[in-house]
């Protein structure tokens, strides 16, 4: 947490900024601000749930590339996973996307 003094109308106002939280928020926004990851989210949403194999075949990607992008989306909690035997199913976390949308809307106002 850092304190920044802001001069406003001839008075100093202390503003607390948690740079760790700012960095984390930036990473979350950056995770969704990527064309391929946006395609993945849209495709998973349209199908309800998908495996990494279905995703990389449909998008004509290397498996490792698809897995790396899915890991970024998973760390940001934009997609969630469910294991069924040897399969891992990816689904869109709509609540998380709504939270991100509200956050962005507040930033833009």
PDB file of N, CA and C in Angstrom:
ATOM      1  N   UNK A   1       0.861  -1.175   0.000  1.00  0.00           N
ATOM      2  CA  UNK A   1       0.000   0.000   0.000  1.00  0.00           C
ATOM      3  C   UNK A   1       0.898   1.225   0.000  1.00  0.00           C
ATOM      4  N   UNK A   2       0.627   2.146  -0.876  1.00  0.00           N
ATOM      5  CA  UNK A   2       1.410   3.371  -0.945  1.00  0.00           C
ATOM      6  C   UNK A   2       0.487   4.558  -0.718  1.00  0.00           C
ATOM      7  N   UNK A   3       1.054   5.587  -0.149  1.00  0.00           N
ATOM      8  CA  UNK A   3       0.312   6.818   0.072  1.00  0.00           C
ATOM      9  C   UNK A   3       0.846   7.875  -0.878  1.00  0.00           C
ATOM     10  N   UNK A   4      -0.055   8.514  -1.575  1.00  0.00           N
ATOM     11  CA  UNK A   4       0.301   9.581  -2.501  1.00  0.00           C
ATOM     12  C   UNK A   4      -0.404  10.838  -2.035  1.00  0.00           C
ATOM     13  N   UNK A   5       0.352  11.915  -1.952  1.00  0.00           N
ATOM     14  CA  UNK A   5      -0.262  13.188  -1.595  1.00  0.00           C
ATOM     15  C   UNK A   5      -0.726  13.873  -2.867  1.00  0.00           C
ATOM     16  N   UNK A   6      -1.953  14.278  -2.873  1.00  0.00           N
ATOM     17  CA  UNK A   6      -2.542  14.940  -4.024  1.00  0.00           C
ATOM     18  C   UNK A   6      -2.882  16.375  -3.639  1.00  0.00           C
ATOM     19  N   UNK A   7      -2.462  17.313  -4.456  1.00  0.00           N
ATOM     20  CA  UNK A   7      -2.803  18.713  -4.193  1.00  0.00           C
ATOM     21  C   UNK A   7      -4.137  19.017  -4.860  1.00  0.00           C
ATOM     22  N   UNK A   8      -5.069  19.432  -4.054  1.00  0.00           N
ATOM     23  CA  UNK A   8      -6.390  19.734  -4.558  1.00  0.00           C
ATOM     24  C   UNK A   8      -6.909  20.961  -3.826  1.00  0.00           C
ATOM     25  N   UNK A   9      -7.150  22.019  -4.564  1.00  0.00           N
ATOM     26  CA  UNK A   9      -7.656  23.275  -4.005  1.00  0.00           C
ATOM     27  C   UNK A   9      -6.854  23.705  -2.783  1.00  0.00           C
ATOM     28  N   UNK A  10      -5.549  23.798  -2.935  1.00  0.00           N
ATOM     29  CA  UNK A  10      -4.626  24.286  -1.910  1.00  0.00           C
ATOM     30  C   UNK A  10      -4.579  23.432  -0.645  1.00  0.00           C
ATOM     31  N   UNK A  11      -4.941  22.168  -0.730  1.00  0.00           N
ATOM     32  CA  UNK A  11      -4.815  21.290   0.434  1.00  0.00           C
ATOM     33  C   UNK A  11      -4.249  19.948  -0.015  1.00  0.00           C
ATOM     34  N   UNK A  12      -3.497  19.326   0.881  1.00  0.00           N
ATOM     35  CA  UNK A  12      -2.940  18.008   0.584  1.00  0.00           C
ATOM     36  C   UNK A  12      -3.916  16.929   1.039  1.00  0.00           C
ATOM     37  N   UNK A  13      -4.195  15.991   0.143  1.00  0.00           N
ATOM     38  CA  UNK A  13      -5.083  14.879   0.458  1.00  0.00           C
ATOM     39  C   UNK A  13      -4.291  13.591   0.258  1.00  0.00           C
ATOM     40  N   UNK A  14      -4.277  12.739   1.255  1.00  0.00           N
ATOM     41  CA  UNK A  14      -3.572  11.459   1.152  1.00  0.00           C
ATOM     42  C   UNK A  14      -4.474  10.448   0.459  1.00  0.00           C
ATOM     43  N   UNK A  15      -3.940   9.816  -0.573  1.00  0.00           N
ATOM     44  CA  UNK A  15      -4.673   8.790  -1.312  1.00  0.00           C
ATOM     45  C   UNK A  15      -3.924   7.474  -1.126  1.00  0.00           C
ATOM     46  N   UNK A  16      -4.639   6.450  -0.707  1.00  0.00           N
ATOM     47  CA  UNK A  16      -4.041   5.130  -0.519  1.00  0.00           C
ATOM     48  C   UNK A  16      -4.214   4.314  -1.801  1.00  0.00           C
ATOM     49  N   UNK A  17      -3.114   3.796  -2.330  1.00  0.00           N
ATOM     50  CA  UNK A  17      -3.167   2.955  -3.515  1.00  0.00           C
ATOM     51  C   UNK A  17      -2.480   1.633  -3.210  1.00  0.00           C
ATOM     52  N   UNK A  18      -3.194   0.556  -3.405  1.00  0.00           N
ATOM     53  CA  UNK A  18      -2.647  -0.786  -3.229  1.00  0.00           C
ATOM     54  C   UNK A  18      -2.127  -1.246  -4.588  1.00  0.00           C
ATOM     55  N   UNK A  19      -0.835  -1.073  -4.815  1.00  0.00           N
ATOM     56  CA  UNK A  19      -0.258  -1.385  -6.111  1.00  0.00           C
ATOM     57  C   UNK A  19      -0.327  -2.871  -6.443  1.00  0.00           C
ATOM     58  N   UNK A  20      -0.315  -3.719  -5.438  1.00  0.00           N
ATOM     59  CA  UNK A  20      -0.456  -5.156  -5.681  1.00  0.00           C
ATOM     60  C   UNK A  20      -1.826  -5.450  -6.309  1.00  0.00           C
ATOM     61  N   UNK A  21      -2.872  -4.830  -5.777  1.00  0.00           N
ATOM     62  CA  UNK A  21      -4.223  -5.024  -6.317  1.00  0.00           C
ATOM     63  C   UNK A  21      -4.356  -4.425  -7.708  1.00  0.00           C
ATOM     64  N   UNK A  22      -3.721  -3.284  -7.921  1.00  0.00           N
ATOM     65  CA  UNK A  22      -3.758  -2.658  -9.246  1.00  0.00           C
ATOM     66  C   UNK A  22      -3.100  -3.577 -10.272  1.00  0.00           C
ATOM     67  N   UNK A  23      -1.959  -4.160  -9.909  1.00  0.00           N
ATOM     68  CA  UNK A  23      -1.257  -5.063 -10.817  1.00  0.00           C
ATOM     69  C   UNK A  23      -2.112  -6.294 -11.112  1.00  0.00           C
ATOM     70  N   UNK A  24      -2.755  -6.837 -10.091  1.00  0.00           N
ATOM     71  CA  UNK A  24      -3.606  -8.014 -10.269  1.00  0.00           C
ATOM     72  C   UNK A  24      -4.785  -7.693 -11.188  1.00  0.00           C
ATOM     73  N   UNK A  25      -5.396  -6.528 -10.995  1.00  0.00           N
ATOM     74  CA  UNK A  25      -6.515  -6.120 -11.848  1.00  0.00           C
ATOM     75  C   UNK A  25      -6.061  -5.955 -13.295  1.00  0.00           C
ATOM     76  N   UNK A  26      -4.877  -5.388 -13.488  1.00  0.00           N
ATOM     77  CA  UNK A  26      -4.346  -5.211 -14.843  1.00  0.00           C
ATOM     78  C   UNK A  26      -4.130  -6.558 -15.527  1.00  0.00           C
ATOM     79  N   UNK A  27      -3.645  -7.545 -14.788  1.00  0.00           N
ATOM     80  CA  UNK A  27      -3.436  -8.878 -15.361  1.00  0.00           C
ATOM     81  C   UNK A  27      -4.757  -9.530 -15.761  1.00  0.00           C
ATOM     82  N   UNK A  28      -5.782  -9.317 -14.955  1.00  0.00           N
ATOM     83  CA  UNK A  28      -7.099  -9.873 -15.272  1.00  0.00           C
ATOM     84  C   UNK A  28      -7.646  -9.229 -16.536  1.00  0.00           C
ATOM     85  N   UNK A  29      -7.533  -7.905 -16.640  1.00  0.00           N
ATOM     86  CA  UNK A  29      -8.011  -7.221 -17.838  1.00  0.00           C
ATOM     87  C   UNK A  29      -7.206  -7.638 -19.065  1.00  0.00           C
ATOM     88  N   UNK A  30      -5.907  -7.796 -18.892  1.00  0.00           N
ATOM     89  CA  UNK A  30      -5.062  -8.199 -20.013  1.00  0.00           C
ATOM     90  C   UNK A  30      -5.404  -9.625 -20.458  1.00  0.00           C
ATOM     91  N   UNK A  31      -5.829 -10.461 -19.530  1.00  0.00           N
ATOM     92  CA  UNK A  31      -6.153 -11.837 -19.899  1.00  0.00           C
ATOM     93  C   UNK A  31      -7.344 -11.905 -20.851  1.00  0.00           C
ATOM     94  N   UNK A  32      -8.294 -11.017 -20.715  1.00  0.00           N
ATOM     95  CA  UNK A  32      -9.469 -11.033 -21.594  1.00  0.00           C
ATOM     96  C   UNK A  32      -9.259 -10.140 -22.820  1.00  0.00           C
ATOM     97  N   UNK A  33      -8.250  -9.284 -22.784  1.00  0.00           N
ATOM     98  CA  UNK A  33      -7.982  -8.368 -23.891  1.00  0.00           C
ATOM     99  C   UNK A  33      -7.005  -9.011 -24.889  1.00  0.00           C
ATOM    100  N   UNK A  34      -7.374 -10.182 -25.384  1.00  0.00           N
ATOM    101  CA  UNK A  34      -6.563 -10.912 -26.349  1.00  0.00           C
ATOM    102  C   UNK A  34      -7.520 -11.625 -27.306  1.00  0.00           C
ATOM    103  N   UNK A  35      -7.317 -11.413 -28.594  1.00  0.00           N
ATOM    104  CA  UNK A  35      -8.258 -11.913 -29.600  1.00  0.00           C
ATOM    105  C   UNK A  35      -8.478 -13.431 -29.503  1.00  0.00           C
ATOM    106  N   UNK A  36      -7.404 -14.204 -29.381  1.00  0.00           N
ATOM    107  CA  UNK A  36      -7.541 -15.659 -29.327  1.00  0.00           C
ATOM    108  C   UNK A  36      -8.290 -16.090 -28.069  1.00  0.00           C
ATOM    109  N   UNK A  37      -7.972 -15.472 -26.939  1.00  0.00           N
ATOM    110  CA  UNK A  37      -8.676 -15.839 -25.705  1.00  0.00           C
ATOM    111  C   UNK A  37     -10.145 -15.428 -25.772  1.00  0.00           C
ATOM    112  N   UNK A  38     -10.435 -14.322 -26.437  1.00  0.00           N
ATOM    113  CA  UNK A  38     -11.830 -13.926 -26.625  1.00  0.00           C
ATOM    114  C   UNK A  38     -12.564 -14.963 -27.476  1.00  0.00           C
ATOM    115  N   UNK A  39     -11.893 -15.475 -28.520  1.00  0.00           N
ATOM    116  CA  UNK A  39     -12.488 -16.521 -29.353  1.00  0.00           C
ATOM    117  C   UNK A  39     -12.750 -17.777 -28.527  1.00  0.00           C
ATOM    118  N   UNK A  40     -11.798 -18.127 -27.679  1.00  0.00           N
ATOM    119  CA  UNK A  40     -11.952 -19.310 -26.832  1.00  0.00           C
ATOM    120  C   UNK A  40     -13.160 -19.164 -25.915  1.00  0.00           C
ATOM    121  N   UNK A  41     -13.267 -18.026 -25.254  1.00  0.00           N
ATOM    122  CA  UNK A  41     -14.376 -17.786 -24.329  1.00  0.00           C
ATOM    123  C   UNK A  41     -15.703 -17.857 -25.081  1.00  0.00           C
ATOM    124  N   UNK A  42     -15.756 -17.234 -26.243  1.00  0.00           N
ATOM    125  CA  UNK A  42     -16.994 -17.235 -27.036  1.00  0.00           C
ATOM    126  C   UNK A  42     -17.360 -18.660 -27.462  1.00  0.00           C
ATOM    127  N   UNK A  43     -16.369 -19.429 -27.911  1.00  0.00           N
ATOM    128  CA  UNK A  43     -16.624 -20.789 -28.365  1.00  0.00           C
ATOM    129  C   UNK A  43     -17.072 -21.689 -27.210  1.00  0.00           C
ATOM    130  N   UNK A  44     -16.402 -21.566 -26.065  1.00  0.00           N
ATOM    131  CA  UNK A  44     -16.798 -22.357 -24.894  1.00  0.00           C
ATOM    132  C   UNK A  44     -18.224 -21.981 -24.486  1.00  0.00           C
ATOM    133  N   UNK A  45     -18.521 -20.702 -24.497  1.00  0.00           N
ATOM    134  CA  UNK A  45     -19.857 -20.236 -24.128  1.00  0.00           C
ATOM    135  C   UNK A  45     -20.911 -20.807 -25.077  1.00  0.00           C
ATOM    136  N   UNK A  46     -20.639 -20.789 -26.369  1.00  0.00           N
ATOM    137  CA  UNK A  46     -21.599 -21.295 -27.355  1.00  0.00           C
ATOM    138  C   UNK A  46     -21.847 -22.795 -27.196  1.00  0.00           C
ATOM    139  N   UNK A  47     -20.823 -23.526 -26.770  1.00  0.00           N
ATOM    140  CA  UNK A  47     -20.938 -24.980 -26.630  1.00  0.00           C
ATOM    141  C   UNK A  47     -21.298 -25.420 -25.211  1.00  0.00           C
ATOM    142  N   UNK A  48     -21.305 -24.506 -24.271  1.00  0.00           N
ATOM    143  CA  UNK A  48     -21.630 -24.844 -22.891  1.00  0.00           C
ATOM    144  C   UNK A  48     -20.407 -25.297 -22.111  1.00  0.00           C
ATOM    145  N   UNK A  49     -19.698 -26.267 -22.647  1.00  0.00           N
ATOM    146  CA  UNK A  49     -18.447 -26.737 -22.055  1.00  0.00           C
ATOM    147  C   UNK A  49     -17.636 -27.420 -23.148  1.00  0.00           C
ATOM    148  N   UNK A  50     -16.313 -27.374 -23.003  1.00  0.00           N
ATOM    149  CA  UNK A  50     -15.432 -27.984 -24.003  1.00  0.00           C
ATOM    150  C   UNK A  50     -14.168 -28.490 -23.332  1.00  0.00           C
ATOM    151  N   UNK A  51     -13.536 -29.469 -23.972  1.00  0.00           N
ATOM    152  CA  UNK A  51     -12.231 -29.942 -23.524  1.00  0.00           C
ATOM    153  C   UNK A  51     -11.157 -29.190 -24.302  1.00  0.00           C
ATOM    154  N   UNK A  52      -9.937 -29.243 -23.811  1.00  0.00           N
ATOM    155  CA  UNK A  52      -8.832 -28.590 -24.504  1.00  0.00           C
ATOM    156  C   UNK A  52      -8.669 -29.172 -25.904  1.00  0.00           C
ATOM    157  N   UNK A  53      -8.900 -30.462 -26.058  1.00  0.00           N
ATOM    158  CA  UNK A  53      -8.778 -31.102 -27.373  1.00  0.00           C
ATOM    159  C   UNK A  53      -9.781 -30.512 -28.350  1.00  0.00           C
ATOM    160  N   UNK A  54     -11.024 -30.380 -27.924  1.00  0.00           N
ATOM    161  CA  UNK A  54     -12.051 -29.785 -28.801  1.00  0.00           C
ATOM    162  C   UNK A  54     -11.675 -28.355 -29.180  1.00  0.00           C
ATOM    163  N   UNK A  55     -11.128 -27.626 -28.227  1.00  0.00           N
ATOM    164  CA  UNK A  55     -10.768 -26.223 -28.468  1.00  0.00           C
ATOM    165  C   UNK A  55      -9.631 -26.113 -29.469  1.00  0.00           C
ATOM    166  N   UNK A  56      -8.540 -26.863 -29.255  1.00  0.00           N
ATOM    167  CA  UNK A  56      -7.415 -26.691 -30.172  1.00  0.00           C
ATOM    168  C   UNK A  56      -7.710 -27.250 -31.557  1.00  0.00           C
ATOM    169  N   UNK A  57      -8.553 -28.267 -31.668  1.00  0.00           N
ATOM    170  CA  UNK A  57      -8.920 -28.785 -32.987  1.00  0.00           C
ATOM    171  C   UNK A  57      -9.753 -27.757 -33.746  1.00  0.00           C
ATOM    172  N   UNK A  58     -10.778 -27.192 -33.074  1.00  0.00           N
ATOM    173  CA  UNK A  58     -11.651 -26.218 -33.745  1.00  0.00           C
ATOM    174  C   UNK A  58     -10.914 -24.943 -34.133  1.00  0.00           C
ATOM    175  N   UNK A  59      -9.961 -24.515 -33.299  1.00  0.00           N
ATOM    176  CA  UNK A  59      -9.232 -23.280 -33.586  1.00  0.00           C
ATOM    177  C   UNK A  59      -7.947 -23.519 -34.382  1.00  0.00           C
ATOM    178  N   UNK A  60      -7.671 -24.790 -34.677  1.00  0.00           N
ATOM    179  CA  UNK A  60      -6.479 -25.170 -35.440  1.00  0.00           C
ATOM    180  C   UNK A  60      -5.199 -24.638 -34.793  1.00  0.00           C
ATOM    181  N   UNK A  61      -5.055 -24.972 -33.524  1.00  0.00           N
ATOM    182  CA  UNK A  61      -3.901 -24.547 -32.741  1.00  0.00           C
ATOM    183  C   UNK A  61      -3.100 -25.758 -32.300  1.00  0.00           C
ATOM    184  N   UNK A  62      -1.880 -25.516 -31.885  1.00  0.00           N
ATOM    185  CA  UNK A  62      -1.119 -26.549 -31.188  1.00  0.00           C
ATOM    186  C   UNK A  62      -1.743 -26.720 -29.812  1.00  0.00           C
ATOM    187  N   UNK A  63      -1.696 -27.937 -29.299  1.00  0.00           N
ATOM    188  CA  UNK A  63      -2.275 -28.209 -27.990  1.00  0.00           C
ATOM    189  C   UNK A  63      -1.635 -27.341 -26.917  1.00  0.00           C
ATOM    190  N   UNK A  64      -0.320 -27.162 -26.993  1.00  0.00           N
ATOM    191  CA  UNK A  64       0.380 -26.384 -25.973  1.00  0.00           C
ATOM    192  C   UNK A  64      -0.055 -24.917 -25.986  1.00  0.00           C
ATOM    193  N   UNK A  65      -0.308 -24.379 -27.158  1.00  0.00           N
ATOM    194  CA  UNK A  65      -0.762 -22.981 -27.272  1.00  0.00           C
ATOM    195  C   UNK A  65      -2.139 -22.829 -26.634  1.00  0.00           C
ATOM    196  N   UNK A  66      -3.041 -23.743 -26.975  1.00  0.00           N
ATOM    197  CA  UNK A  66      -4.389 -23.698 -26.398  1.00  0.00           C
ATOM    198  C   UNK A  66      -4.318 -23.831 -24.873  1.00  0.00           C
ATOM    199  N   UNK A  67      -3.499 -24.733 -24.386  1.00  0.00           N
ATOM    200  CA  UNK A  67      -3.375 -24.945 -22.942  1.00  0.00           C
ATOM    201  C   UNK A  67      -2.827 -23.717 -22.237  1.00  0.00           C
ATOM    202  N   UNK A  68      -1.849 -23.057 -22.844  1.00  0.00           N
ATOM    203  CA  UNK A  68      -1.280 -21.844 -22.230  1.00  0.00           C
ATOM    204  C   UNK A  68      -2.328 -20.743 -22.117  1.00  0.00           C
ATOM    205  N   UNK A  69      -3.119 -20.550 -23.168  1.00  0.00           N
ATOM    206  CA  UNK A  69      -4.146 -19.511 -23.133  1.00  0.00           C
ATOM    207  C   UNK A  69      -5.266 -19.867 -22.156  1.00  0.00           C
ATOM    208  N   UNK A  70      -5.624 -21.142 -22.100  1.00  0.00           N
ATOM    209  CA  UNK A  70      -6.645 -21.571 -21.135  1.00  0.00           C
ATOM    210  C   UNK A  70      -6.156 -21.395 -19.702  1.00  0.00           C
ATOM    211  N   UNK A  71      -4.866 -21.608 -19.472  1.00  0.00           N
ATOM    212  CA  UNK A  71      -4.305 -21.412 -18.127  1.00  0.00           C
ATOM    213  C   UNK A  71      -4.421 -19.950 -17.706  1.00  0.00           C
ATOM    214  N   UNK A  72      -4.196 -19.037 -18.626  1.00  0.00           N
ATOM    215  CA  UNK A  72      -4.330 -17.602 -18.330  1.00  0.00           C
ATOM    216  C   UNK A  72      -5.779 -17.286 -17.979  1.00  0.00           C
ATOM    217  N   UNK A  73      -6.712 -17.813 -18.755  1.00  0.00           N
ATOM    218  CA  UNK A  73      -8.136 -17.583 -18.476  1.00  0.00           C
ATOM    219  C   UNK A  73      -8.547 -18.224 -17.156  1.00  0.00           C
ATOM    220  N   UNK A  74      -7.971 -19.381 -16.838  1.00  0.00           N
ATOM    221  CA  UNK A  74      -8.287 -20.060 -15.585  1.00  0.00           C
ATOM    222  C   UNK A  74      -7.751 -19.283 -14.385  1.00  0.00           C
ATOM    223  N   UNK A  75      -6.514 -18.761 -14.493  1.00  0.00           N
ATOM    224  CA  UNK A  75      -5.939 -17.974 -13.389  1.00  0.00           C
ATOM    225  C   UNK A  75      -6.745 -16.708 -13.120  1.00  0.00           C
ATOM    226  N   UNK A  76      -7.343 -16.158 -14.168  1.00  0.00           N
ATOM    227  CA  UNK A  76      -8.176 -14.959 -14.011  1.00  0.00           C
ATOM    228  C   UNK A  76      -9.606 -15.309 -13.612  1.00  0.00           C
ATOM    229  N   UNK A  77      -9.890 -16.600 -13.490  1.00  0.00           N
ATOM    230  CA  UNK A  77     -11.200 -17.104 -13.098  1.00  0.00           C
ATOM    231  C   UNK A  77     -12.277 -16.782 -14.133  1.00  0.00           C
ATOM    232  N   UNK A  78     -11.860 -16.601 -15.389  1.00  0.00           N
ATOM    233  CA  UNK A  78     -12.803 -16.338 -16.476  1.00  0.00           C
ATOM    234  C   UNK A  78     -13.415 -17.642 -16.970  1.00  0.00           C
ATOM    235  N   UNK A  79     -12.635 -18.714 -16.898  1.00  0.00           N
ATOM    236  CA  UNK A  79     -13.166 -20.052 -17.164  1.00  0.00           C
ATOM    237  C   UNK A  79     -12.918 -20.912 -15.928  1.00  0.00           C
ATOM    238  N   UNK A  80     -13.781 -21.886 -15.744  1.00  0.00           N
ATOM    239  CA  UNK A  80     -13.620 -22.840 -14.651  1.00  0.00           C
ATOM    240  C   UNK A  80     -13.486 -24.233 -15.250  1.00  0.00           C
ATOM    241  N   UNK A  81     -12.959 -25.155 -14.462  1.00  0.00           N
ATOM    242  CA  UNK A  81     -12.757 -26.514 -14.945  1.00  0.00           C
ATOM    243  C   UNK A  81     -13.471 -27.520 -14.064  1.00  0.00           C
ATOM    244  N   UNK A  82     -13.854 -28.616 -14.699  1.00  0.00           N
ATOM    245  CA  UNK A  82     -14.456 -29.753 -14.016  1.00  0.00           C
ATOM    246  C   UNK A  82     -13.815 -31.008 -14.589  1.00  0.00           C
ATOM    247  N   UNK A  83     -13.320 -31.859 -13.720  1.00  0.00           N
ATOM    248  CA  UNK A  83     -12.702 -33.114 -14.178  1.00  0.00           C
ATOM    249  C   UNK A  83     -13.720 -34.242 -14.154  1.00  0.00           C
ATOM    250  N   UNK A  84     -13.789 -34.961 -15.278  1.00  0.00           N
ATOM    251  CA  UNK A  84     -14.610 -36.169 -15.377  1.00  0.00           C
ATOM    252  C   UNK A  84     -13.713 -37.260 -15.938  1.00  0.00           C
ATOM    253  N   UNK A  85     -13.211 -38.104 -15.082  1.00  0.00           N
ATOM    254  CA  UNK A  85     -12.273 -39.138 -15.518  1.00  0.00           C
ATOM    255  C   UNK A  85     -11.003 -38.499 -16.051  1.00  0.00           C
ATOM    256  N   UNK A  86     -10.654 -38.816 -17.287  1.00  0.00           N
ATOM    257  CA  UNK A  86      -9.443 -38.237 -17.879  1.00  0.00           C
ATOM    258  C   UNK A  86      -9.703 -36.911 -18.598  1.00  0.00           C
ATOM    259  N   UNK A  87     -10.962 -36.477 -18.626  1.00  0.00           N
ATOM    260  CA  UNK A  87     -11.311 -35.240 -19.327  1.00  0.00           C
ATOM    261  C   UNK A  87     -11.435 -34.064 -18.363  1.00  0.00           C
ATOM    262  N   UNK A  88     -10.947 -32.907 -18.808  1.00  0.00           N
ATOM    263  CA  UNK A  88     -11.138 -31.656 -18.075  1.00  0.00           C
ATOM    264  C   UNK A  88     -12.005 -30.770 -18.947  1.00  0.00           C
ATOM    265  N   UNK A  89     -13.161 -30.423 -18.419  1.00  0.00           N
ATOM    266  CA  UNK A  89     -14.131 -29.608 -19.144  1.00  0.00           C
ATOM    267  C   UNK A  89     -13.998 -28.145 -18.722  1.00  0.00           C
ATOM    268  N   UNK A  90     -13.951 -27.263 -19.696  1.00  0.00           N
ATOM    269  CA  UNK A  90     -13.877 -25.826 -19.457  1.00  0.00           C
ATOM    270  C   UNK A  90     -15.255 -25.225 -19.659  1.00  0.00           C
ATOM    271  N   UNK A  91     -15.662 -24.363 -18.728  1.00  0.00           N
ATOM    272  CA  UNK A  91     -16.911 -23.618 -18.841  1.00  0.00           C
ATOM    273  C   UNK A  91     -16.628 -22.149 -18.548  1.00  0.00           C
ATOM    274  N   UNK A  92     -17.472 -21.282 -19.068  1.00  0.00           N
ATOM    275  CA  UNK A  92     -17.329 -19.842 -18.861  1.00  0.00           C
ATOM    276  C   UNK A  92     -17.902 -19.474 -17.504  1.00  0.00           C
ATOM    277  N   UNK A  93     -17.167 -18.660 -16.765  1.00  0.00           N
ATOM    278  CA  UNK A  93     -17.629 -18.167 -15.474  1.00  0.00           C
ATOM    279  C   UNK A  93     -18.336 -16.827 -15.733  1.00  0.00           C
ATOM    280  N   UNK A  94     -19.628 -16.893 -15.956  1.00  0.00           N
ATOM    281  CA  UNK A  94     -20.407 -15.697 -16.305  1.00  0.00           C
ATOM    282  C   UNK A  94     -20.404 -14.657 -15.192  1.00  0.00           C
ATOM    283  N   UNK A  95     -20.428 -15.107 -13.950  1.00  0.00           N
ATOM    284  CA  UNK A  95     -20.412 -14.167 -12.835  1.00  0.00           C
ATOM    285  C   UNK A  95     -19.133 -13.339 -12.866  1.00  0.00           C
ATOM    286  N   UNK A  96     -18.004 -13.995 -13.151  1.00  0.00           N
ATOM    287  CA  UNK A  96     -16.719 -13.288 -13.211  1.00  0.00           C
ATOM    288  C   UNK A  96     -16.712 -12.268 -14.347  1.00  0.00           C
ATOM    289  N   UNK A  97     -17.243 -12.655 -15.505  1.00  0.00           N
ATOM    290  CA  UNK A  97     -17.299 -11.724 -16.634  1.00  0.00           C
ATOM    291  C   UNK A  97     -18.174 -10.514 -16.315  1.00  0.00           C
ATOM    292  N   UNK A  98     -19.259 -10.741 -15.574  1.00  0.00           N
ATOM    293  CA  UNK A  98     -20.119  -9.626 -15.156  1.00  0.00           C
ATOM    294  C   UNK A  98     -19.364  -8.692 -14.215  1.00  0.00           C
ATOM    295  N   UNK A  99     -18.582  -9.268 -13.291  1.00  0.00           N
ATOM    296  CA  UNK A  99     -17.778  -8.453 -12.376  1.00  0.00           C
ATOM    297  C   UNK A  99     -16.765  -7.606 -13.147  1.00  0.00           C
ATOM    298  N   UNK A 100     -16.124  -8.207 -14.127  1.00  0.00           N
ATOM    299  CA  UNK A 100     -15.139  -7.486 -14.945  1.00  0.00           C
ATOM    300  C   UNK A 100     -15.825  -6.370 -15.718  1.00  0.00           C
ATOM    301  N   UNK A 101     -16.993  -6.666 -16.283  1.00  0.00           N
ATOM    302  CA  UNK A 101     -17.740  -5.662 -17.048  1.00  0.00           C
ATOM    303  C   UNK A 101     -18.127  -4.476 -16.160  1.00  0.00           C
ATOM    304  N   UNK A 102     -18.596  -4.748 -14.936  1.00  0.00           N
ATOM    305  CA  UNK A 102     -18.959  -3.664 -14.012  1.00  0.00           C
ATOM    306  C   UNK A 102     -17.739  -2.830 -13.644  1.00  0.00           C
ATOM    307  N   UNK A 103     -16.612  -3.493 -13.404  1.00  0.00           N
ATOM    308  CA  UNK A 103     -15.371  -2.807 -13.059  1.00  0.00           C
ATOM    309  C   UNK A 103     -14.932  -1.874 -14.188  1.00  0.00           C
ATOM    310  N   UNK A 104     -14.970  -2.385 -15.408  1.00  0.00           N
ATOM    311  CA  UNK A 104     -14.575  -1.580 -16.572  1.00  0.00           C
ATOM    312  C   UNK A 104     -15.528  -0.397 -16.745  1.00  0.00           C
ATOM    313  N   UNK A 105     -16.817  -0.639 -16.576  1.00  0.00           N
ATOM    314  CA  UNK A 105     -17.791   0.449 -16.703  1.00  0.00           C
ATOM    315  C   UNK A 105     -17.519   1.558 -15.680  1.00  0.00           C
ATOM    316  N   UNK A 106     -17.172   1.170 -14.451  1.00  0.00           N
ATOM    317  CA  UNK A 106     -16.853   2.165 -13.416  1.00  0.00           C
ATOM    318  C   UNK A 106     -15.599   2.938 -13.777  1.00  0.00           C
ATOM    319  N   UNK A 107     -14.601   2.259 -14.335  1.00  0.00           N
ATOM    320  CA  UNK A 107     -13.373   2.942 -14.739  1.00  0.00           C
ATOM    321  C   UNK A 107     -13.632   3.973 -15.831  1.00  0.00           C
ATOM    322  N   UNK A 108     -14.554   3.661 -16.712  1.00  0.00           N
ATOM    323  CA  UNK A 108     -14.816   4.547 -17.853  1.00  0.00           C
ATOM    324  C   UNK A 108     -15.729   5.721 -17.491  1.00  0.00           C
ATOM    325  N   UNK A 109     -16.393   5.660 -16.355  1.00  0.00           N
ATOM    326  CA  UNK A 109     -17.288   6.769 -15.946  1.00  0.00           C
ATOM    327  C   UNK A 109     -16.531   7.831 -15.210  1.00  0.00           C
TER     328      UNK A 109
END
